[in-house]
Amino acid sequence: AQLVTPSGLAAAAPDMSIAVKPGTARVPKGSDQEITATLAGFDA
């Protein structure tokens, strides 16, 4: 798909992307914060 459609795989965020939680957020000083990343469109 990348060869046939040059702009397809690299430029299409829904095909290969990483969803991150909580993203940009406000957190209490001195607290611990868990970051979660979900792979979309590929495995690693």
PDB file of all heavy atoms in Angstrom:
ATOM      1  N   ALA A   1       0.830  -1.205   0.000  1.00  0.00           N
ATOM      2  CA  ALA A   1       0.000   0.000   0.000  1.00  0.00           C
ATOM      3  C   ALA A   1       0.864   1.255   0.000  1.00  0.00           C
ATOM      4  O   ALA A   1       0.543   2.248  -0.656  1.00  0.00           O
ATOM      5  CB  ALA A   1      -0.925  -0.008   1.212  1.00  0.00           C
ATOM      6  N   GLN A   2       1.988   1.203   0.710  1.00  0.00           N
ATOM      7  CA  GLN A   2       2.898   2.347   0.751  1.00  0.00           C
ATOM      8  C   GLN A   2       3.519   2.589  -0.618  1.00  0.00           C
ATOM      9  O   GLN A   2       3.685   3.737  -1.041  1.00  0.00           O
ATOM     10  CB  GLN A   2       3.999   2.092   1.774  1.00  0.00           C
ATOM     11  CG  GLN A   2       5.052   3.175   1.849  1.00  0.00           C
ATOM     12  CD  GLN A   2       4.492   4.464   2.398  1.00  0.00           C
ATOM     13  OE1 GLN A   2       4.007   4.515   3.510  1.00  0.00           O
ATOM     14  NE2 GLN A   2       4.552   5.527   1.623  1.00  0.00           N
ATOM     15  N   LEU A   3       3.846   1.504  -1.346  1.00  0.00           N
ATOM     16  CA  LEU A   3       4.441   1.654  -2.674  1.00  0.00           C
ATOM     17  C   LEU A   3       3.426   2.180  -3.682  1.00  0.00           C
ATOM     18  O   LEU A   3       3.720   3.067  -4.473  1.00  0.00           O
ATOM     19  CB  LEU A   3       4.981   0.304  -3.150  1.00  0.00           C
ATOM     20  CG  LEU A   3       6.259  -0.209  -2.490  1.00  0.00           C
ATOM     21  CD1 LEU A   3       6.584  -1.594  -3.016  1.00  0.00           C
ATOM     22  CD2 LEU A   3       7.421   0.730  -2.735  1.00  0.00           C
ATOM     23  N   VAL A   4       2.221   1.611  -3.649  1.00  0.00           N
ATOM     24  CA  VAL A   4       1.204   1.982  -4.630  1.00  0.00           C
ATOM     25  C   VAL A   4       0.644   3.365  -4.355  1.00  0.00           C
ATOM     26  O   VAL A   4       0.412   4.160  -5.265  1.00  0.00           O
ATOM     27  CB  VAL A   4       0.071   0.938  -4.642  1.00  0.00           C
ATOM     28  CG1 VAL A   4      -1.039   1.363  -5.590  1.00  0.00           C
ATOM     29  CG2 VAL A   4       0.625  -0.423  -5.052  1.00  0.00           C
ATOM     30  N   THR A   5       0.423   3.677  -3.063  1.00  0.00           N
ATOM     31  CA  THR A   5      -0.108   4.982  -2.666  1.00  0.00           C
ATOM     32  C   THR A   5       0.922   5.649  -1.765  1.00  0.00           C
ATOM     33  O   THR A   5       0.916   5.430  -0.558  1.00  0.00           O
ATOM     34  CB  THR A   5      -1.443   4.830  -1.922  1.00  0.00           C
ATOM     35  OG1 THR A   5      -2.306   4.009  -2.700  1.00  0.00           O
ATOM     36  CG2 THR A   5      -2.097   6.171  -1.677  1.00  0.00           C
ATOM     37  N   PRO A   6       1.831   6.427  -2.309  1.00  0.00           N
ATOM     38  CA  PRO A   6       2.926   6.985  -1.513  1.00  0.00           C
ATOM     39  C   PRO A   6       2.487   7.728  -0.276  1.00  0.00           C
ATOM     40  O   PRO A   6       3.155   7.667   0.749  1.00  0.00           O
ATOM     41  CB  PRO A   6       3.629   7.920  -2.512  1.00  0.00           C
ATOM     42  CG  PRO A   6       3.306   7.344  -3.849  1.00  0.00           C
ATOM     43  CD  PRO A   6       1.917   6.780  -3.722  1.00  0.00           C
ATOM     44  N   SER A   7       1.371   8.429  -0.352  1.00  0.00           N
ATOM     45  CA  SER A   7       0.950   9.217   0.805  1.00  0.00           C
ATOM     46  C   SER A   7       0.054   8.426   1.738  1.00  0.00           C
ATOM     47  O   SER A   7      -0.413   8.953   2.745  1.00  0.00           O
ATOM     48  CB  SER A   7       0.207  10.473   0.344  1.00  0.00           C
ATOM     49  OG  SER A   7      -0.949  10.111  -0.404  1.00  0.00           O
ATOM     50  N   GLY A   8      -0.195   7.145   1.418  1.00  0.00           N
ATOM     51  CA  GLY A   8      -1.182   6.395   2.168  1.00  0.00           C
ATOM     52  C   GLY A   8      -0.780   6.032   3.572  1.00  0.00           C
ATOM     53  O   GLY A   8      -1.408   6.428   4.533  1.00  0.00           O
ATOM     54  N   LEU A   9       0.313   5.263   3.701  1.00  0.00           N
ATOM     55  CA  LEU A   9       0.605   4.687   5.017  1.00  0.00           C
ATOM     56  C   LEU A   9       1.231   5.679   5.961  1.00  0.00           C
ATOM     57  O   LEU A   9       0.839   5.774   7.118  1.00  0.00           O
ATOM     58  CB  LEU A   9       1.548   3.485   4.828  1.00  0.00           C
ATOM     59  CG  LEU A   9       1.750   2.616   6.053  1.00  0.00           C
ATOM     60  CD1 LEU A   9       0.441   1.973   6.470  1.00  0.00           C
ATOM     61  CD2 LEU A   9       2.799   1.565   5.801  1.00  0.00           C
ATOM     62  N   ALA A  10       2.209   6.427   5.493  1.00  0.00           N
ATOM     63  CA  ALA A  10       2.917   7.319   6.402  1.00  0.00           C
ATOM     64  C   ALA A  10       2.088   8.513   6.798  1.00  0.00           C
ATOM     65  O   ALA A  10       2.198   9.021   7.898  1.00  0.00           O
ATOM     66  CB  ALA A  10       4.227   7.780   5.753  1.00  0.00           C
ATOM     67  N   ALA A  11       1.234   8.993   5.858  1.00  0.00           N
ATOM     68  CA  ALA A  11       0.516  10.216   6.144  1.00  0.00           C
ATOM     69  C   ALA A  11      -0.842   9.987   6.762  1.00  0.00           C
ATOM     70  O   ALA A  11      -1.448  10.896   7.283  1.00  0.00           O
ATOM     71  CB  ALA A  11       0.332  11.024   4.842  1.00  0.00           C
ATOM     72  N   ALA A  12      -1.356   8.762   6.711  1.00  0.00           N
ATOM     73  CA  ALA A  12      -2.681   8.507   7.238  1.00  0.00           C
ATOM     74  C   ALA A  12      -2.579   8.084   8.679  1.00  0.00           C
ATOM     75  O   ALA A  12      -2.187   6.983   8.992  1.00  0.00           O
ATOM     76  CB  ALA A  12      -3.368   7.411   6.416  1.00  0.00           C
ATOM     77  N   ALA A  13      -2.913   9.008   9.583  1.00  0.00           N
ATOM     78  CA  ALA A  13      -2.802   8.727  11.003  1.00  0.00           C
ATOM     79  C   ALA A  13      -3.643   7.555  11.457  1.00  0.00           C
ATOM     80  O   ALA A  13      -3.223   6.804  12.319  1.00  0.00           O
ATOM     81  CB  ALA A  13      -3.165   9.983  11.800  1.00  0.00           C
ATOM     82  N   PRO A  14      -4.877   7.346  10.911  1.00  0.00           N
ATOM     83  CA  PRO A  14      -5.661   6.218  11.391  1.00  0.00           C
ATOM     84  C   PRO A  14      -5.034   4.872  11.062  1.00  0.00           C
ATOM     85  O   PRO A  14      -5.345   3.895  11.701  1.00  0.00           O
ATOM     86  CB  PRO A  14      -7.000   6.390  10.652  1.00  0.00           C
ATOM     87  CG  PRO A  14      -7.041   7.830  10.266  1.00  0.00           C
ATOM     88  CD  PRO A  14      -5.622   8.199   9.994  1.00  0.00           C
ATOM     89  N   ASP A  15      -4.152   4.803  10.062  1.00  0.00           N
ATOM     90  CA  ASP A  15      -3.560   3.532   9.695  1.00  0.00           C
ATOM     91  C   ASP A  15      -2.484   3.116  10.678  1.00  0.00           C
ATOM     92  O   ASP A  15      -2.428   1.971  11.106  1.00  0.00           O
ATOM     93  CB  ASP A  15      -2.984   3.611   8.279  1.00  0.00           C
ATOM     94  CG  ASP A  15      -4.085   3.730   7.245  1.00  0.00           C
ATOM     95  OD1 ASP A  15      -5.241   3.447   7.577  1.00  0.00           O
ATOM     96  OD2 ASP A  15      -3.760   4.113   6.114  1.00  0.00           O
ATOM     97  N   MET A  16      -1.594   4.017  11.025  1.00  0.00           N
ATOM     98  CA  MET A  16      -0.529   3.722  11.978  1.00  0.00           C
ATOM     99  C   MET A  16      -0.389   4.914  12.911  1.00  0.00           C
ATOM    100  O   MET A  16      -0.001   5.996  12.489  1.00  0.00           O
ATOM    101  CB  MET A  16       0.791   3.447  11.249  1.00  0.00           C
ATOM    102  CG  MET A  16       0.808   2.169  10.448  1.00  0.00           C
ATOM    103  SD  MET A  16       2.443   1.835   9.750  1.00  0.00           S
ATOM    104  CE  MET A  16       3.385   1.598  11.240  1.00  0.00           C
ATOM    105  N   SER A  17      -0.728   4.706  14.151  1.00  0.00           N
ATOM    106  CA  SER A  17      -0.657   5.798  15.108  1.00  0.00           C
ATOM    107  C   SER A  17      -0.528   5.229  16.512  1.00  0.00           C
ATOM    108  O   SER A  17      -0.665   4.020  16.722  1.00  0.00           O
ATOM    109  CB  SER A  17      -1.902   6.698  15.005  1.00  0.00           C
ATOM    110  OG  SER A  17      -3.069   5.940  15.285  1.00  0.00           O
ATOM    111  N   ILE A  18      -0.254   6.120  17.454  1.00  0.00           N
ATOM    112  CA  ILE A  18      -0.160   5.745  18.862  1.00  0.00           C
ATOM    113  C   ILE A  18      -1.066   6.673  19.655  1.00  0.00           C
ATOM    114  O   ILE A  18      -0.874   7.893  19.648  1.00  0.00           O
ATOM    115  CB  ILE A  18       1.296   5.852  19.376  1.00  0.00           C
ATOM    116  CG1 ILE A  18       2.226   4.959  18.540  1.00  0.00           C
ATOM    117  CG2 ILE A  18       1.372   5.462  20.844  1.00  0.00           C
ATOM    118  CD1 ILE A  18       3.683   5.057  18.938  1.00  0.00           C
ATOM    119  N   ALA A  19      -2.064   6.086  20.307  1.00  0.00           N
ATOM    120  CA  ALA A  19      -2.964   6.855  21.167  1.00  0.00           C
ATOM    121  C   ALA A  19      -2.401   6.866  22.590  1.00  0.00           C
ATOM    122  O   ALA A  19      -2.062   5.812  23.131  1.00  0.00           O
ATOM    123  CB  ALA A  19      -4.368   6.255  21.156  1.00  0.00           C
ATOM    124  N   VAL A  20      -2.280   8.042  23.158  1.00  0.00           N
ATOM    125  CA  VAL A  20      -1.636   8.188  24.466  1.00  0.00           C
ATOM    126  C   VAL A  20      -2.626   8.788  25.460  1.00  0.00           C
ATOM    127  O   VAL A  20      -3.311   9.768  25.160  1.00  0.00           O
ATOM    128  CB  VAL A  20      -0.384   9.085  24.362  1.00  0.00           C
ATOM    129  CG1 VAL A  20       0.279   9.235  25.725  1.00  0.00           C
ATOM    130  CG2 VAL A  20       0.605   8.504  23.355  1.00  0.00           C
ATOM    131  N   LYS A  21      -2.684   8.184  26.626  1.00  0.00           N
ATOM    132  CA  LYS A  21      -3.479   8.719  27.728  1.00  0.00           C
ATOM    133  C   LYS A  21      -2.554   8.954  28.920  1.00  0.00           C
ATOM    134  O   LYS A  21      -1.653   8.154  29.165  1.00  0.00           O
ATOM    135  CB  LYS A  21      -4.592   7.732  28.122  1.00  0.00           C
ATOM    136  CG  LYS A  21      -5.660   7.563  27.060  1.00  0.00           C
ATOM    137  CD  LYS A  21      -6.757   6.612  27.559  1.00  0.00           C
ATOM    138  CE  LYS A  21      -7.850   6.447  26.523  1.00  0.00           C
ATOM    139  NZ  LYS A  21      -8.911   5.520  26.993  1.00  0.00           N
ATOM    140  N   PRO A  22      -2.729  10.048  29.666  1.00  0.00           N
ATOM    141  CA  PRO A  22      -3.816  11.033  29.587  1.00  0.00           C
ATOM    142  C   PRO A  22      -3.564  12.152  28.593  1.00  0.00           C
ATOM    143  O   PRO A  22      -4.347  13.100  28.528  1.00  0.00           O
ATOM    144  CB  PRO A  22      -3.839  11.591  31.002  1.00  0.00           C
ATOM    145  CG  PRO A  22      -2.409  11.568  31.419  1.00  0.00           C
ATOM    146  CD  PRO A  22      -1.846  10.311  30.826  1.00  0.00           C
ATOM    147  N   GLY A  23      -2.484  12.085  27.811  1.00  0.00           N
ATOM    148  CA  GLY A  23      -2.189  13.177  26.889  1.00  0.00           C
ATOM    149  C   GLY A  23      -1.724  14.399  27.661  1.00  0.00           C
ATOM    150  O   GLY A  23      -0.960  14.307  28.615  1.00  0.00           O
ATOM    151  N   THR A  24      -2.174  15.566  27.252  1.00  0.00           N
ATOM    152  CA  THR A  24      -1.864  16.793  27.992  1.00  0.00           C
ATOM    153  C   THR A  24      -2.848  16.913  29.165  1.00  0.00           C
ATOM    154  O   THR A  24      -4.060  16.829  28.968  1.00  0.00           O
ATOM    155  CB  THR A  24      -1.977  18.012  27.076  1.00  0.00           C
ATOM    156  OG1 THR A  24      -0.988  17.887  26.030  1.00  0.00           O
ATOM    157  CG2 THR A  24      -1.747  19.299  27.841  1.00  0.00           C
ATOM    158  N   ALA A  25      -2.300  17.088  30.366  1.00  0.00           N
ATOM    159  CA  ALA A  25      -3.166  17.091  31.546  1.00  0.00           C
ATOM    160  C   ALA A  25      -2.512  17.877  32.678  1.00  0.00           C
ATOM    161  O   ALA A  25      -1.324  18.215  32.634  1.00  0.00           O
ATOM    162  CB  ALA A  25      -3.445  15.653  31.996  1.00  0.00           C
ATOM    163  N   ARG A  26      -3.324  18.176  33.696  1.00  0.00           N
ATOM    164  CA  ARG A  26      -2.836  18.788  34.928  1.00  0.00           C
ATOM    165  C   ARG A  26      -2.749  17.696  35.988  1.00  0.00           C
ATOM    166  O   ARG A  26      -3.690  16.928  36.184  1.00  0.00           O
ATOM    167  CB  ARG A  26      -3.793  19.891  35.394  1.00  0.00           C
ATOM    168  CG  ARG A  26      -3.952  21.011  34.387  1.00  0.00           C
ATOM    169  CD  ARG A  26      -5.067  21.962  34.816  1.00  0.00           C
ATOM    170  NE  ARG A  26      -4.702  22.683  36.037  1.00  0.00           N
ATOM    171  CZ  ARG A  26      -5.575  23.109  36.934  1.00  0.00           C
ATOM    172  NH1 ARG A  26      -6.868  22.857  36.784  1.00  0.00           N
ATOM    173  NH2 ARG A  26      -5.166  23.787  37.990  1.00  0.00           N
ATOM    174  N   VAL A  27      -1.626  17.626  36.687  1.00  0.00           N
ATOM    175  CA  VAL A  27      -1.419  16.580  37.688  1.00  0.00           C
ATOM    176  C   VAL A  27      -0.969  17.222  39.000  1.00  0.00           C
ATOM    177  O   VAL A  27      -0.291  18.263  39.004  1.00  0.00           O
ATOM    178  CB  VAL A  27      -0.369  15.551  37.217  1.00  0.00           C
ATOM    179  CG1 VAL A  27      -0.844  14.823  35.966  1.00  0.00           C
ATOM    180  CG2 VAL A  27       0.977  16.223  36.930  1.00  0.00           C
ATOM    181  N   PRO A  28      -1.332  16.634  40.125  1.00  0.00           N
ATOM    182  CA  PRO A  28      -0.906  17.180  41.420  1.00  0.00           C
ATOM    183  C   PRO A  28       0.604  17.034  41.618  1.00  0.00           C
ATOM    184  O   PRO A  28       1.201  16.035  41.223  1.00  0.00           O
ATOM    185  CB  PRO A  28      -1.683  16.340  42.432  1.00  0.00           C
ATOM    186  CG  PRO A  28      -2.804  15.711  41.652  1.00  0.00           C
ATOM    187  CD  PRO A  28      -2.270  15.507  40.283  1.00  0.00           C
ATOM    188  N   LYS A  29       1.190  18.011  42.225  1.00  0.00           N
ATOM    189  CA  LYS A  29       2.622  17.956  42.505  1.00  0.00           C
ATOM    190  C   LYS A  29       2.914  16.840  43.491  1.00  0.00           C
ATOM    191  O   LYS A  29       2.220  16.681  44.495  1.00  0.00           O
ATOM    192  CB  LYS A  29       3.076  19.297  43.064  1.00  0.00           C
ATOM    193  CG  LYS A  29       4.583  19.388  43.281  1.00  0.00           C
ATOM    194  CD  LYS A  29       4.979  20.783  43.736  1.00  0.00           C
ATOM    195  CE  LYS A  29       6.489  20.902  43.903  1.00  0.00           C
ATOM    196  NZ  LYS A  29       6.890  22.254  44.321  1.00  0.00           N
ATOM    197  N   GLY A  30       3.952  16.054  43.211  1.00  0.00           N
ATOM    198  CA  GLY A  30       4.340  14.953  44.072  1.00  0.00           C
ATOM    199  C   GLY A  30       3.579  13.666  43.824  1.00  0.00           C
ATOM    200  O   GLY A  30       3.842  12.658  44.485  1.00  0.00           O
ATOM    201  N   SER A  31       2.658  13.675  42.867  1.00  0.00           N
ATOM    202  CA  SER A  31       1.872  12.462  42.602  1.00  0.00           C
ATOM    203  C   SER A  31       2.576  11.572  41.585  1.00  0.00           C
ATOM    204  O   SER A  31       3.567  11.974  40.958  1.00  0.00           O
ATOM    205  CB  SER A  31       0.484  12.835  42.086  1.00  0.00           C
ATOM    206  OG  SER A  31       0.594  13.476  40.819  1.00  0.00           O
ATOM    207  N   ASP A  32       2.060  10.379  41.418  1.00  0.00           N
ATOM    208  CA  ASP A  32       2.520   9.459  40.382  1.00  0.00           C
ATOM    209  C   ASP A  32       1.513   9.491  39.235  1.00  0.00           C
ATOM    210  O   ASP A  32       0.309   9.610  39.463  1.00  0.00           O
ATOM    211  CB  ASP A  32       2.634   8.041  40.923  1.00  0.00           C
ATOM    212  CG  ASP A  32       3.595   7.951  42.102  1.00  0.00           C
ATOM    213  OD1 ASP A  32       4.466   8.829  42.214  1.00  0.00           O
ATOM    214  OD2 ASP A  32       3.465   7.004  42.902  1.00  0.00           O
ATOM    215  N   GLN A  33       2.002   9.385  38.023  1.00  0.00           N
ATOM    216  CA  GLN A  33       1.113   9.436  36.859  1.00  0.00           C
ATOM    217  C   GLN A  33       1.408   8.269  35.932  1.00  0.00           C
ATOM    218  O   GLN A  33       2.551   8.057  35.519  1.00  0.00           O
ATOM    219  CB  GLN A  33       1.285  10.748  36.088  1.00  0.00           C
ATOM    220  CG  GLN A  33       0.412  10.862  34.854  1.00  0.00           C
ATOM    221  CD  GLN A  33      -1.062  10.853  35.198  1.00  0.00           C
ATOM    222  OE1 GLN A  33      -1.517  11.620  36.040  1.00  0.00           O
ATOM    223  NE2 GLN A  33      -1.822   9.978  34.549  1.00  0.00           N
ATOM    224  N   GLU A  34       0.374   7.511  35.623  1.00  0.00           N
ATOM    225  CA  GLU A  34       0.526   6.395  34.688  1.00  0.00           C
ATOM    226  C   GLU A  34       0.231   6.868  33.265  1.00  0.00           C
ATOM    227  O   GLU A  34      -0.784   7.511  33.013  1.00  0.00           O
ATOM    228  CB  GLU A  34      -0.408   5.243  35.056  1.00  0.00           C
ATOM    229  CG  GLU A  34      -0.218   4.021  34.150  1.00  0.00           C
ATOM    230  CD  GLU A  34      -1.009   2.816  34.619  1.00  0.00           C
ATOM    231  OE1 GLU A  34      -2.190   2.712  34.215  1.00  0.00           O
ATOM    232  OE2 GLU A  34      -0.473   2.014  35.382  1.00  0.00           O
ATOM    233  N   ILE A  35       1.140   6.526  32.340  1.00  0.00           N
ATOM    234  CA  ILE A  35       0.989   6.848  30.921  1.00  0.00           C
ATOM    235  C   ILE A  35       0.642   5.558  30.188  1.00  0.00           C
ATOM    236  O   ILE A  35       1.342   4.548  30.339  1.00  0.00           O
ATOM    237  CB  ILE A  35       2.273   7.461  30.334  1.00  0.00           C
ATOM    238  CG1 ILE A  35       2.738   8.650  31.187  1.00  0.00           C
ATOM    239  CG2 ILE A  35       2.066   7.862  28.887  1.00  0.00           C
ATOM    240  CD1 ILE A  35       1.777   9.803  31.228  1.00  0.00           C
ATOM    241  N   THR A  36      -0.407   5.580  29.391  1.00  0.00           N
ATOM    242  CA  THR A  36      -0.832   4.410  28.621  1.00  0.00           C
ATOM    243  C   THR A  36      -0.744   4.722  27.128  1.00  0.00           C
ATOM    244  O   THR A  36      -1.224   5.762  26.676  1.00  0.00           O
ATOM    245  CB  THR A  36      -2.270   4.007  28.974  1.00  0.00           C
ATOM    246  OG1 THR A  36      -2.354   3.749  30.372  1.00  0.00           O
ATOM    247  CG2 THR A  36      -2.681   2.755  28.223  1.00  0.00           C
ATOM    248  N   ALA A  37      -0.119   3.821  26.379  1.00  0.00           N
ATOM    249  CA  ALA A  37       0.014   3.981  24.926  1.00  0.00           C
ATOM    250  C   ALA A  37      -0.636   2.791  24.238  1.00  0.00           C
ATOM    251  O   ALA A  37      -0.348   1.640  24.583  1.00  0.00           O
ATOM    252  CB  ALA A  37       1.476   4.089  24.523  1.00  0.00           C
ATOM    253  N   THR A  38      -1.495   3.061  23.260  1.00  0.00           N
ATOM    254  CA  THR A  38      -2.176   2.009  22.499  1.00  0.00           C
ATOM    255  C   THR A  38      -1.772   2.121  21.037  1.00  0.00           C
ATOM    256  O   THR A  38      -1.954   3.171  20.410  1.00  0.00           O
ATOM    257  CB  THR A  38      -3.705   2.133  22.624  1.00  0.00           C
ATOM    258  OG1 THR A  38      -4.060   2.101  24.013  1.00  0.00           O
ATOM    259  CG2 THR A  38      -4.386   0.986  21.898  1.00  0.00           C
ATOM    260  N   LEU A  39      -1.210   1.040  20.492  1.00  0.00           N
ATOM    261  CA  LEU A  39      -0.762   1.028  19.098  1.00  0.00           C
ATOM    262  C   LEU A  39      -1.956   0.778  18.188  1.00  0.00           C
ATOM    263  O   LEU A  39      -2.762  -0.119  18.438  1.00  0.00           O
ATOM    264  CB  LEU A  39       0.291  -0.063  18.883  1.00  0.00           C
ATOM    265  CG  LEU A  39       1.482  -0.067  19.854  1.00  0.00           C
ATOM    266  CD1 LEU A  39       2.473  -1.150  19.451  1.00  0.00           C
ATOM    267  CD2 LEU A  39       2.146   1.287  19.905  1.00  0.00           C
ATOM    268  N   ALA A  40      -2.063   1.550  17.137  1.00  0.00           N
ATOM    269  CA  ALA A  40      -3.158   1.407  16.176  1.00  0.00           C
ATOM    270  C   ALA A  40      -2.583   1.186  14.781  1.00  0.00           C
ATOM    271  O   ALA A  40      -1.790   1.990  14.299  1.00  0.00           O
ATOM    272  CB  ALA A  40      -4.046   2.652  16.180  1.00  0.00           C
ATOM    273  N   GLY A  41      -2.960   0.081  14.151  1.00  0.00           N
ATOM    274  CA  GLY A  41      -2.531  -0.184  12.782  1.00  0.00           C
ATOM    275  C   GLY A  41      -1.224  -0.931  12.654  1.00  0.00           C
ATOM    276  O   GLY A  41      -0.786  -1.212  11.547  1.00  0.00           O
ATOM    277  N   PHE A  42      -0.583  -1.274  13.743  1.00  0.00           N
ATOM    278  CA  PHE A  42       0.665  -2.042  13.667  1.00  0.00           C
ATOM    279  C   PHE A  42       0.938  -2.688  15.010  1.00  0.00           C
ATOM    280  O   PHE A  42       0.349  -2.317  16.036  1.00  0.00           O
ATOM    281  CB  PHE A  42       1.844  -1.152  13.240  1.00  0.00           C
ATOM    282  CG  PHE A  42       2.290  -0.169  14.291  1.00  0.00           C
ATOM    283  CD1 PHE A  42       3.449  -0.378  15.014  1.00  0.00           C
ATOM    284  CD2 PHE A  42       1.541   0.980  14.554  1.00  0.00           C
ATOM    285  CE1 PHE A  42       3.863   0.530  15.976  1.00  0.00           C
ATOM    286  CE2 PHE A  42       1.950   1.897  15.509  1.00  0.00           C
ATOM    287  CZ  PHE A  42       3.113   1.667  16.222  1.00  0.00           C
ATOM    288  N   ASP A  43       1.836  -3.682  15.004  1.00  0.00           N
ATOM    289  CA  ASP A  43       2.253  -4.368  16.219  1.00  0.00           C
ATOM    290  C   ASP A  43       3.723  -4.092  16.475  1.00  0.00           C
ATOM    291  O   ASP A  43       4.488  -3.839  15.544  1.00  0.00           O
ATOM    292  CB  ASP A  43       2.030  -5.877  16.098  1.00  0.00           C
ATOM    293  CG  ASP A  43       0.557  -6.227  15.960  1.00  0.00           C
ATOM    294  OD1 ASP A  43      -0.256  -5.556  16.636  1.00  0.00           O
ATOM    295  OD2 ASP A  43       0.229  -7.150  15.197  1.00  0.00           O
ATOM    296  N   ALA A  44       4.115  -4.152  17.727  1.00  0.00           N
ATOM    297  CA  ALA A  44       5.511  -3.935  18.082  1.00  0.00           C
ATOM    298  C   ALA A  44       5.796  -4.599  19.420  1.00  0.00           C
ATOM    299  O   ALA A  44       4.902  -4.742  20.261  1.00  0.00           O
ATOM    300  CB  ALA A  44       5.829  -2.445  18.150  1.00  0.00           C
TER     301      ALA A  44
END
